[in-house]
Amino acid sequence: MMETKRVVCEPAGRGTNPEDRRIRRIRSRSSYLLFRQLHDFLKSKPDIADILRRFHDILDAKRGFGSRRNAEYASESLAWVLRDVGKDGQRA
């Protein structure tokens, strides 16, 4: 008995060409979502302190600091940098 393969069909006119499928795959990536959110965040013209905090949050979410303790140290360092430059929670 032959095994049948299931083929998923898309409605006509909705991304049936390879380029449309490629673009849909790109837009479904987590990296696309991250960059889109960053774009929207930066479009609001946040101050430097907010950008640095967001940068820390992204690195932390991606486990860029290697451990929870290192992430806490980085957060503490960021807080001191902002304090030293006079941006500790104040909007410019």
N, C-alpha and C. Protein backbone atom coordinates (compact mmCIF):
# COMPACT_ATOMS: atom_id res chain seq x y z
N MET A 1 0.83 -1.18 0.00
CA MET A 1 0.00 0.00 0.00
C MET A 1 0.88 1.25 0.00
N MET A 2 0.55 2.20 -0.84
CA MET A 2 1.33 3.43 -0.92
C MET A 2 0.95 4.39 0.20
N GLU A 3 1.98 5.03 0.73
CA GLU A 3 1.73 6.03 1.76
C GLU A 3 1.42 7.36 1.07
N THR A 4 0.39 8.03 1.52
CA THR A 4 0.04 9.32 0.93
C THR A 4 0.67 10.43 1.75
N LYS A 5 1.11 11.45 1.05
CA LYS A 5 1.68 12.61 1.72
C LYS A 5 0.62 13.68 1.82
N ARG A 6 0.57 14.29 2.97
CA ARG A 6 -0.39 15.36 3.18
C ARG A 6 0.22 16.67 2.69
N VAL A 7 -0.47 17.36 1.86
CA VAL A 7 -0.01 18.62 1.31
C VAL A 7 -0.93 19.72 1.80
N VAL A 8 -0.33 20.72 2.40
CA VAL A 8 -1.11 21.85 2.88
C VAL A 8 -1.21 22.87 1.74
N CYS A 9 -2.41 23.20 1.37
CA CYS A 9 -2.63 24.16 0.29
C CYS A 9 -3.01 25.50 0.88
N GLU A 10 -2.50 26.54 0.27
CA GLU A 10 -2.87 27.88 0.67
C GLU A 10 -3.93 28.40 -0.28
N PRO A 11 -4.81 29.26 0.21
CA PRO A 11 -5.82 29.84 -0.67
C PRO A 11 -5.15 30.60 -1.82
N ALA A 12 -5.77 30.58 -2.96
CA ALA A 12 -5.23 31.27 -4.13
C ALA A 12 -5.06 32.75 -3.83
N GLY A 13 -3.93 33.30 -4.27
CA GLY A 13 -3.69 34.73 -4.09
C GLY A 13 -3.14 35.11 -2.73
N ARG A 14 -2.93 34.14 -1.85
CA ARG A 14 -2.41 34.47 -0.51
C ARG A 14 -1.04 33.84 -0.31
N GLY A 15 -0.05 34.40 -0.95
CA GLY A 15 1.31 33.96 -0.69
C GLY A 15 1.67 32.65 -1.33
N THR A 16 1.20 32.42 -2.51
CA THR A 16 1.50 31.16 -3.17
C THR A 16 2.85 31.17 -3.86
N ASN A 17 3.43 32.33 -4.05
CA ASN A 17 4.74 32.32 -4.69
C ASN A 17 5.84 32.20 -3.64
N PRO A 18 7.02 31.71 -4.03
CA PRO A 18 8.11 31.47 -3.07
C PRO A 18 8.54 32.72 -2.31
N GLU A 19 8.53 33.86 -2.96
CA GLU A 19 8.96 35.09 -2.27
C GLU A 19 8.00 35.46 -1.14
N ASP A 20 6.70 35.31 -1.36
CA ASP A 20 5.72 35.59 -0.30
C ASP A 20 5.92 34.64 0.88
N ARG A 21 6.17 33.38 0.59
CA ARG A 21 6.40 32.40 1.66
C ARG A 21 7.66 32.75 2.45
N ARG A 22 8.71 33.15 1.73
CA ARG A 22 9.96 33.53 2.38
C ARG A 22 9.76 34.73 3.31
N ILE A 23 9.02 35.71 2.84
CA ILE A 23 8.75 36.91 3.66
C ILE A 23 7.92 36.54 4.89
N ARG A 24 6.93 35.67 4.73
CA ARG A 24 6.13 35.23 5.88
C ARG A 24 6.99 34.50 6.90
N ARG A 25 7.92 33.67 6.43
CA ARG A 25 8.82 32.96 7.36
C ARG A 25 9.69 33.96 8.12
N ILE A 26 10.21 34.95 7.42
CA ILE A 26 11.05 35.96 8.08
C ILE A 26 10.24 36.68 9.15
N ARG A 27 9.03 37.08 8.81
CA ARG A 27 8.20 37.83 9.77
C ARG A 27 7.71 36.99 10.94
N SER A 28 7.83 35.68 10.85
CA SER A 28 7.41 34.82 11.96
C SER A 28 8.56 34.48 12.91
N ARG A 29 9.76 34.93 12.58
CA ARG A 29 10.93 34.66 13.43
C ARG A 29 10.90 35.51 14.70
N SER A 30 11.46 34.96 15.77
CA SER A 30 11.55 35.73 17.01
C SER A 30 12.49 36.92 16.84
N SER A 31 13.52 36.78 16.00
CA SER A 31 14.43 37.91 15.78
C SER A 31 13.71 39.06 15.09
N TYR A 32 12.80 38.74 14.16
CA TYR A 32 12.03 39.80 13.51
C TYR A 32 11.19 40.54 14.55
N LEU A 33 10.52 39.79 15.41
CA LEU A 33 9.70 40.40 16.46
C LEU A 33 10.55 41.29 17.37
N LEU A 34 11.73 40.81 17.74
CA LEU A 34 12.62 41.59 18.59
C LEU A 34 13.00 42.90 17.92
N PHE A 35 13.45 42.83 16.67
CA PHE A 35 13.86 44.05 15.98
C PHE A 35 12.68 44.99 15.72
N ARG A 36 11.52 44.43 15.48
CA ARG A 36 10.33 45.26 15.28
C ARG A 36 9.97 46.01 16.56
N GLN A 37 10.03 45.29 17.69
CA GLN A 37 9.74 45.93 18.97
C GLN A 37 10.77 46.99 19.30
N LEU A 38 12.05 46.71 19.00
CA LEU A 38 13.09 47.72 19.23
C LEU A 38 12.87 48.95 18.36
N HIS A 39 12.50 48.73 17.12
CA HIS A 39 12.22 49.84 16.22
C HIS A 39 11.10 50.71 16.78
N ASP A 40 10.02 50.08 17.19
CA ASP A 40 8.89 50.83 17.73
C ASP A 40 9.27 51.57 19.01
N PHE A 41 10.09 50.91 19.84
CA PHE A 41 10.56 51.54 21.08
C PHE A 41 11.42 52.76 20.77
N LEU A 42 12.37 52.62 19.85
CA LEU A 42 13.27 53.73 19.53
C LEU A 42 12.55 54.86 18.78
N LYS A 43 11.51 54.50 18.05
CA LYS A 43 10.73 55.52 17.35
C LYS A 43 10.09 56.50 18.33
N SER A 44 9.84 56.04 19.56
CA SER A 44 9.24 56.91 20.57
C SER A 44 10.26 57.87 21.18
N LYS A 45 11.51 57.82 20.70
CA LYS A 45 12.59 58.69 21.13
C LYS A 45 12.82 58.63 22.65
N PRO A 46 13.10 57.44 23.17
CA PRO A 46 13.37 57.30 24.60
C PRO A 46 14.72 57.94 24.95
N ASP A 47 14.90 58.25 26.21
CA ASP A 47 16.19 58.81 26.60
C ASP A 47 17.23 57.69 26.73
N ILE A 48 18.48 58.07 26.89
CA ILE A 48 19.57 57.11 26.91
C ILE A 48 19.40 56.08 28.03
N ALA A 49 18.94 56.52 29.19
CA ALA A 49 18.76 55.60 30.32
C ALA A 49 17.75 54.51 29.97
N ASP A 50 16.66 54.88 29.32
CA ASP A 50 15.66 53.88 28.93
C ASP A 50 16.21 52.92 27.88
N ILE A 51 17.02 53.42 26.97
CA ILE A 51 17.63 52.56 25.95
C ILE A 51 18.58 51.56 26.62
N LEU A 52 19.40 52.04 27.54
CA LEU A 52 20.33 51.14 28.24
C LEU A 52 19.58 50.09 29.06
N ARG A 53 18.50 50.49 29.70
CA ARG A 53 17.70 49.52 30.46
C ARG A 53 17.09 48.47 29.54
N ARG A 54 16.59 48.90 28.40
CA ARG A 54 16.01 47.97 27.44
C ARG A 54 17.09 47.01 26.93
N PHE A 55 18.28 47.55 26.65
CA PHE A 55 19.40 46.74 26.19
C PHE A 55 19.73 45.66 27.23
N HIS A 56 19.77 46.06 28.51
CA HIS A 56 20.01 45.10 29.58
C HIS A 56 18.92 44.03 29.61
N ASP A 57 17.67 44.46 29.50
CA ASP A 57 16.55 43.51 29.53
C ASP A 57 16.63 42.49 28.39
N ILE A 58 17.02 42.95 27.22
CA ILE A 58 17.13 42.04 26.07
C ILE A 58 18.26 41.05 26.30
N LEU A 59 19.42 41.55 26.73
CA LEU A 59 20.52 40.63 27.01
C LEU A 59 20.14 39.62 28.09
N ASP A 60 19.46 40.09 29.11
CA ASP A 60 19.04 39.22 30.19
C ASP A 60 18.06 38.16 29.69
N ALA A 61 17.10 38.56 28.88
CA ALA A 61 16.11 37.61 28.36
C ALA A 61 16.76 36.55 27.47
N LYS A 62 17.83 36.93 26.79
CA LYS A 62 18.55 36.00 25.91
C LYS A 62 19.67 35.28 26.66
N ARG A 63 19.70 35.43 27.98
CA ARG A 63 20.71 34.82 28.85
C ARG A 63 22.13 35.23 28.45
N GLY A 64 22.25 36.48 28.06
CA GLY A 64 23.53 37.00 27.61
C GLY A 64 24.55 37.22 28.71
N PHE A 65 24.12 37.23 29.95
CA PHE A 65 25.05 37.43 31.05
C PHE A 65 25.57 36.11 31.62
N GLY A 66 24.99 35.01 31.18
CA GLY A 66 25.49 33.70 31.59
C GLY A 66 24.87 33.13 32.85
N SER A 67 24.48 33.98 33.77
CA SER A 67 23.86 33.49 35.01
C SER A 67 23.01 34.60 35.61
N ARG A 68 22.15 34.22 36.51
CA ARG A 68 21.29 35.18 37.20
C ARG A 68 22.15 36.16 37.99
N ARG A 69 23.17 35.65 38.66
CA ARG A 69 24.04 36.51 39.46
C ARG A 69 24.74 37.55 38.58
N ASN A 70 25.27 37.13 37.43
CA ASN A 70 25.93 38.07 36.53
C ASN A 70 24.94 39.11 36.00
N ALA A 71 23.70 38.69 35.74
CA ALA A 71 22.68 39.64 35.29
C ALA A 71 22.39 40.67 36.39
N GLU A 72 22.38 40.22 37.63
CA GLU A 72 22.17 41.15 38.74
C GLU A 72 23.34 42.12 38.88
N TYR A 73 24.56 41.61 38.71
CA TYR A 73 25.73 42.49 38.75
C TYR A 73 25.66 43.52 37.62
N ALA A 74 25.25 43.08 36.44
CA ALA A 74 25.14 44.00 35.30
C ALA A 74 24.08 45.06 35.57
N SER A 75 22.98 44.66 36.18
CA SER A 75 21.92 45.61 36.52
C SER A 75 22.43 46.63 37.53
N GLU A 76 23.18 46.15 38.50
CA GLU A 76 23.76 47.04 39.50
C GLU A 76 24.75 48.01 38.83
N SER A 77 25.57 47.49 37.93
CA SER A 77 26.52 48.35 37.21
C SER A 77 25.81 49.41 36.40
N LEU A 78 24.75 49.01 35.71
CA LEU A 78 23.96 49.96 34.92
C LEU A 78 23.39 51.04 35.82
N ALA A 79 22.85 50.66 36.96
CA ALA A 79 22.28 51.64 37.89
C ALA A 79 23.34 52.66 38.32
N TRP A 80 24.56 52.19 38.57
CA TRP A 80 25.62 53.10 38.99
C TRP A 80 26.08 54.00 37.84
N VAL A 81 26.15 53.46 36.64
CA VAL A 81 26.50 54.30 35.48
C VAL A 81 25.48 55.42 35.35
N LEU A 82 24.21 55.06 35.42
CA LEU A 82 23.16 56.08 35.28
C LEU A 82 23.20 57.09 36.42
N ARG A 83 23.52 56.61 37.60
CA ARG A 83 23.65 57.53 38.74
C ARG A 83 24.83 58.46 38.54
N ASP A 84 25.96 57.92 38.09
CA ASP A 84 27.18 58.72 37.91
C ASP A 84 27.01 59.78 36.82
N VAL A 85 26.20 59.50 35.82
CA VAL A 85 26.01 60.49 34.75
C VAL A 85 24.75 61.33 34.97
N GLY A 86 24.08 61.11 36.10
CA GLY A 86 22.93 61.92 36.45
C GLY A 86 21.65 61.56 35.73
N LYS A 87 21.49 60.31 35.33
CA LYS A 87 20.29 59.86 34.61
C LYS A 87 19.56 58.75 35.36
N ASP A 88 19.63 58.76 36.67
CA ASP A 88 19.05 57.67 37.45
C ASP A 88 17.54 57.81 37.60
N GLY A 89 16.84 57.54 36.51
CA GLY A 89 15.39 57.56 36.56
C GLY A 89 14.78 58.85 36.06
N GLN A 90 15.59 59.84 35.76
CA GLN A 90 15.06 61.10 35.27
C GLN A 90 14.96 61.05 33.77
N ARG A 91 13.93 61.64 33.23
CA ARG A 91 13.81 61.75 31.77
C ARG A 91 14.50 63.02 31.33
N ALA A 92 15.17 62.92 30.22
CA ALA A 92 15.89 64.10 29.71
C ALA A 92 14.92 65.12 29.15
